[in-house]
Amino acid sequence: MTTTVNVHEAKTRLSALLALVESGEEVIIPRNGRPVTWLTPLATRTRPGSRDLEGKVRITPDFDEFSDDDADAWYGTPADR
């Protein structure tokens, strides 16, 4: 479930809002009616490089090789340069 509270209410009810987030709820905080940020439990967020991605990403042995075909695709053929 998601709760929306304005900035003033977020400032005055921060502890209560954090309790909601700890229970798994997200809180959206708009300013002048436009969403600016949200509070969400850190455990549900996946960060690049985190252990959450272990076993889900595979990097091939040729990952960092840059071929002539790659150069042509990125920069155009020699005649185009």
N, C-alpha and C. Protein backbone atom coordinates (compact mmCIF):
# COMPACT_ATOMS: atom_id res chain seq x y z
N MET A 1 0.84 -1.18 0.00
CA MET A 1 0.00 0.00 0.00
C MET A 1 0.89 1.25 0.00
N THR A 2 0.38 2.33 -0.57
CA THR A 2 1.14 3.58 -0.64
C THR A 2 0.34 4.69 0.04
N THR A 3 1.03 5.47 0.84
CA THR A 3 0.44 6.62 1.51
C THR A 3 1.07 7.88 0.93
N THR A 4 0.28 8.92 0.75
CA THR A 4 0.80 10.20 0.27
C THR A 4 0.56 11.27 1.33
N VAL A 5 1.62 11.99 1.69
CA VAL A 5 1.51 13.07 2.68
C VAL A 5 2.29 14.27 2.16
N ASN A 6 1.79 15.48 2.47
CA ASN A 6 2.49 16.69 2.03
C ASN A 6 3.73 16.91 2.90
N VAL A 7 4.57 17.84 2.49
CA VAL A 7 5.84 18.08 3.18
C VAL A 7 5.63 18.45 4.64
N HIS A 8 4.69 19.33 4.93
CA HIS A 8 4.44 19.74 6.32
C HIS A 8 4.05 18.54 7.17
N GLU A 9 3.15 17.72 6.66
CA GLU A 9 2.72 16.54 7.41
C GLU A 9 3.88 15.56 7.59
N ALA A 10 4.72 15.42 6.57
CA ALA A 10 5.87 14.51 6.66
C ALA A 10 6.83 14.98 7.76
N LYS A 11 7.02 16.30 7.85
CA LYS A 11 7.92 16.82 8.89
C LYS A 11 7.36 16.58 10.28
N THR A 12 6.06 16.74 10.43
CA THR A 12 5.47 16.62 11.77
C THR A 12 5.20 15.17 12.16
N ARG A 13 5.10 14.26 11.19
CA ARG A 13 4.78 12.86 11.47
C ARG A 13 5.89 11.90 11.06
N LEU A 14 7.13 12.36 11.01
CA LEU A 14 8.21 11.53 10.49
C LEU A 14 8.32 10.18 11.20
N SER A 15 8.26 10.17 12.51
CA SER A 15 8.39 8.90 13.24
C SER A 15 7.28 7.92 12.86
N ALA A 16 6.07 8.41 12.76
CA ALA A 16 4.94 7.55 12.38
C ALA A 16 5.09 7.06 10.94
N LEU A 17 5.58 7.92 10.06
CA LEU A 17 5.79 7.52 8.67
C LEU A 17 6.89 6.47 8.56
N LEU A 18 7.94 6.62 9.34
CA LEU A 18 9.01 5.62 9.34
C LEU A 18 8.49 4.27 9.84
N ALA A 19 7.58 4.29 10.79
CA ALA A 19 6.97 3.04 11.27
C ALA A 19 6.18 2.38 10.14
N LEU A 20 5.47 3.18 9.33
CA LEU A 20 4.75 2.63 8.19
C LEU A 20 5.72 1.99 7.20
N VAL A 21 6.82 2.68 6.93
CA VAL A 21 7.82 2.17 5.99
C VAL A 21 8.42 0.87 6.52
N GLU A 22 8.70 0.83 7.81
CA GLU A 22 9.27 -0.39 8.40
C GLU A 22 8.31 -1.58 8.28
N SER A 23 7.02 -1.29 8.20
CA SER A 23 6.04 -2.37 8.06
C SER A 23 5.84 -2.75 6.59
N GLY A 24 6.58 -2.10 5.68
CA GLY A 24 6.53 -2.46 4.27
C GLY A 24 5.78 -1.49 3.38
N GLU A 25 5.21 -0.45 3.93
CA GLU A 25 4.45 0.52 3.14
C GLU A 25 5.37 1.58 2.55
N GLU A 26 5.00 2.11 1.39
CA GLU A 26 5.74 3.22 0.79
C GLU A 26 5.00 4.52 1.07
N VAL A 27 5.75 5.61 1.20
CA VAL A 27 5.16 6.92 1.46
C VAL A 27 5.67 7.89 0.39
N ILE A 28 4.75 8.51 -0.33
CA ILE A 28 5.10 9.51 -1.35
C ILE A 28 4.95 10.89 -0.72
N ILE A 29 5.93 11.76 -0.97
CA ILE A 29 5.90 13.12 -0.41
C ILE A 29 5.93 14.11 -1.57
N PRO A 30 4.78 14.75 -1.85
CA PRO A 30 4.75 15.77 -2.90
C PRO A 30 4.97 17.17 -2.32
N ARG A 31 5.42 18.08 -3.17
CA ARG A 31 5.51 19.50 -2.81
C ARG A 31 4.67 20.25 -3.83
N ASN A 32 3.76 21.06 -3.36
CA ASN A 32 2.84 21.79 -4.24
C ASN A 32 2.11 20.85 -5.20
N GLY A 33 1.74 19.67 -4.70
CA GLY A 33 0.97 18.72 -5.49
C GLY A 33 1.79 17.87 -6.45
N ARG A 34 3.10 18.10 -6.55
CA ARG A 34 3.95 17.34 -7.47
C ARG A 34 4.85 16.40 -6.67
N PRO A 35 4.77 15.07 -6.91
CA PRO A 35 5.60 14.14 -6.15
C PRO A 35 7.08 14.49 -6.29
N VAL A 36 7.76 14.55 -5.15
CA VAL A 36 9.18 14.90 -5.13
C VAL A 36 10.03 13.70 -4.74
N THR A 37 9.56 12.92 -3.77
CA THR A 37 10.34 11.78 -3.29
C THR A 37 9.41 10.76 -2.66
N TRP A 38 9.98 9.62 -2.32
CA TRP A 38 9.20 8.65 -1.58
C TRP A 38 10.09 7.94 -0.58
N LEU A 39 9.45 7.47 0.47
CA LEU A 39 10.14 6.67 1.48
C LEU A 39 9.79 5.22 1.20
N THR A 40 10.78 4.38 1.17
CA THR A 40 10.55 2.96 0.90
C THR A 40 11.53 2.15 1.73
N PRO A 41 11.15 0.95 2.15
CA PRO A 41 12.08 0.15 2.94
C PRO A 41 13.33 -0.19 2.14
N LEU A 42 14.49 -0.05 2.74
CA LEU A 42 15.74 -0.36 2.06
C LEU A 42 15.82 -1.82 1.64
N ALA A 43 15.25 -2.70 2.41
CA ALA A 43 15.33 -4.13 2.11
C ALA A 43 14.66 -4.47 0.79
N THR A 44 13.73 -3.64 0.31
CA THR A 44 13.03 -3.95 -0.94
C THR A 44 13.73 -3.34 -2.14
N ARG A 45 14.73 -2.52 -1.92
CA ARG A 45 15.45 -1.86 -3.01
C ARG A 45 16.65 -2.69 -3.42
N THR A 46 16.86 -2.88 -4.72
CA THR A 46 18.02 -3.60 -5.21
C THR A 46 19.01 -2.57 -5.74
N ARG A 47 20.22 -2.61 -5.19
CA ARG A 47 21.25 -1.68 -5.62
C ARG A 47 22.23 -2.42 -6.51
N PRO A 48 22.70 -1.79 -7.59
CA PRO A 48 23.71 -2.45 -8.42
C PRO A 48 24.91 -2.86 -7.58
N GLY A 49 25.37 -4.07 -7.79
CA GLY A 49 26.51 -4.57 -7.04
C GLY A 49 26.12 -5.24 -5.74
N SER A 50 24.84 -5.23 -5.41
CA SER A 50 24.43 -5.85 -4.15
C SER A 50 24.37 -7.37 -4.32
N ARG A 51 24.36 -8.06 -3.24
CA ARG A 51 24.29 -9.53 -3.26
C ARG A 51 22.96 -10.00 -3.86
N ASP A 52 21.95 -9.12 -3.94
CA ASP A 52 20.66 -9.50 -4.51
C ASP A 52 20.79 -9.93 -5.97
N LEU A 53 21.82 -9.47 -6.66
CA LEU A 53 22.00 -9.79 -8.07
C LEU A 53 22.88 -11.01 -8.30
N GLU A 54 23.44 -11.55 -7.23
CA GLU A 54 24.35 -12.67 -7.35
C GLU A 54 23.65 -13.85 -8.02
N GLY A 55 24.28 -14.38 -9.07
CA GLY A 55 23.72 -15.50 -9.80
C GLY A 55 22.70 -15.11 -10.86
N LYS A 56 22.35 -13.83 -10.95
CA LYS A 56 21.35 -13.37 -11.92
C LYS A 56 21.97 -12.63 -13.09
N VAL A 57 23.23 -12.25 -12.96
CA VAL A 57 23.92 -11.50 -14.00
C VAL A 57 25.12 -12.33 -14.46
N ARG A 58 25.29 -12.43 -15.78
CA ARG A 58 26.42 -13.18 -16.31
C ARG A 58 27.22 -12.26 -17.23
N ILE A 59 28.50 -12.17 -17.00
CA ILE A 59 29.38 -11.36 -17.83
C ILE A 59 30.23 -12.31 -18.65
N THR A 60 30.14 -12.19 -19.96
CA THR A 60 30.88 -13.09 -20.85
C THR A 60 32.36 -12.74 -20.86
N PRO A 61 33.22 -13.71 -21.22
CA PRO A 61 34.67 -13.47 -21.24
C PRO A 61 35.08 -12.33 -22.18
N ASP A 62 34.31 -12.09 -23.23
CA ASP A 62 34.67 -11.04 -24.19
C ASP A 62 34.01 -9.70 -23.88
N PHE A 63 33.53 -9.53 -22.66
CA PHE A 63 32.78 -8.34 -22.27
C PHE A 63 33.52 -7.03 -22.60
N ASP A 64 34.79 -6.97 -22.32
CA ASP A 64 35.53 -5.71 -22.48
C ASP A 64 36.30 -5.62 -23.80
N GLU A 65 36.05 -6.54 -24.73
CA GLU A 65 36.70 -6.46 -26.04
C GLU A 65 35.96 -5.46 -26.92
N PHE A 66 36.70 -4.69 -27.71
CA PHE A 66 36.13 -3.68 -28.59
C PHE A 66 36.64 -3.95 -30.00
N SER A 67 35.79 -4.54 -30.84
CA SER A 67 36.20 -4.97 -32.17
C SER A 67 36.10 -3.83 -33.19
N ASP A 68 36.61 -4.08 -34.38
CA ASP A 68 36.46 -3.10 -35.46
C ASP A 68 34.99 -2.88 -35.80
N ASP A 69 34.18 -3.95 -35.73
CA ASP A 69 32.74 -3.81 -35.97
C ASP A 69 32.11 -2.90 -34.91
N ASP A 70 32.56 -3.03 -33.66
CA ASP A 70 32.05 -2.15 -32.61
C ASP A 70 32.43 -0.70 -32.89
N ALA A 71 33.67 -0.48 -33.33
CA ALA A 71 34.12 0.88 -33.64
C ALA A 71 33.29 1.47 -34.77
N ASP A 72 33.02 0.65 -35.81
CA ASP A 72 32.19 1.14 -36.91
C ASP A 72 30.78 1.48 -36.44
N ALA A 73 30.22 0.64 -35.55
CA ALA A 73 28.86 0.89 -35.05
C ALA A 73 28.82 2.15 -34.20
N TRP A 74 29.85 2.40 -33.42
CA TRP A 74 29.88 3.56 -32.53
C TRP A 74 30.27 4.84 -33.25
N TYR A 75 31.29 4.74 -34.10
CA TYR A 75 31.87 5.95 -34.66
C TYR A 75 31.69 6.09 -36.17
N GLY A 76 31.08 5.08 -36.81
CA GLY A 76 30.92 5.12 -38.25
C GLY A 76 32.09 4.45 -38.93
N THR A 77 31.94 4.16 -40.20
CA THR A 77 33.02 3.54 -40.95
C THR A 77 34.13 4.55 -41.17
N PRO A 78 35.35 4.09 -41.48
CA PRO A 78 36.46 5.04 -41.70
C PRO A 78 36.13 6.11 -42.74
N ALA A 79 35.35 5.77 -43.76
CA ALA A 79 34.98 6.76 -44.77
C ALA A 79 34.09 7.86 -44.19
N ASP A 80 33.33 7.53 -43.13
CA ASP A 80 32.43 8.50 -42.49
C ASP A 80 33.16 9.46 -41.56
N ARG A 81 34.36 9.09 -41.13
CA ARG A 81 35.07 9.90 -40.14
C ARG A 81 35.78 11.06 -40.74
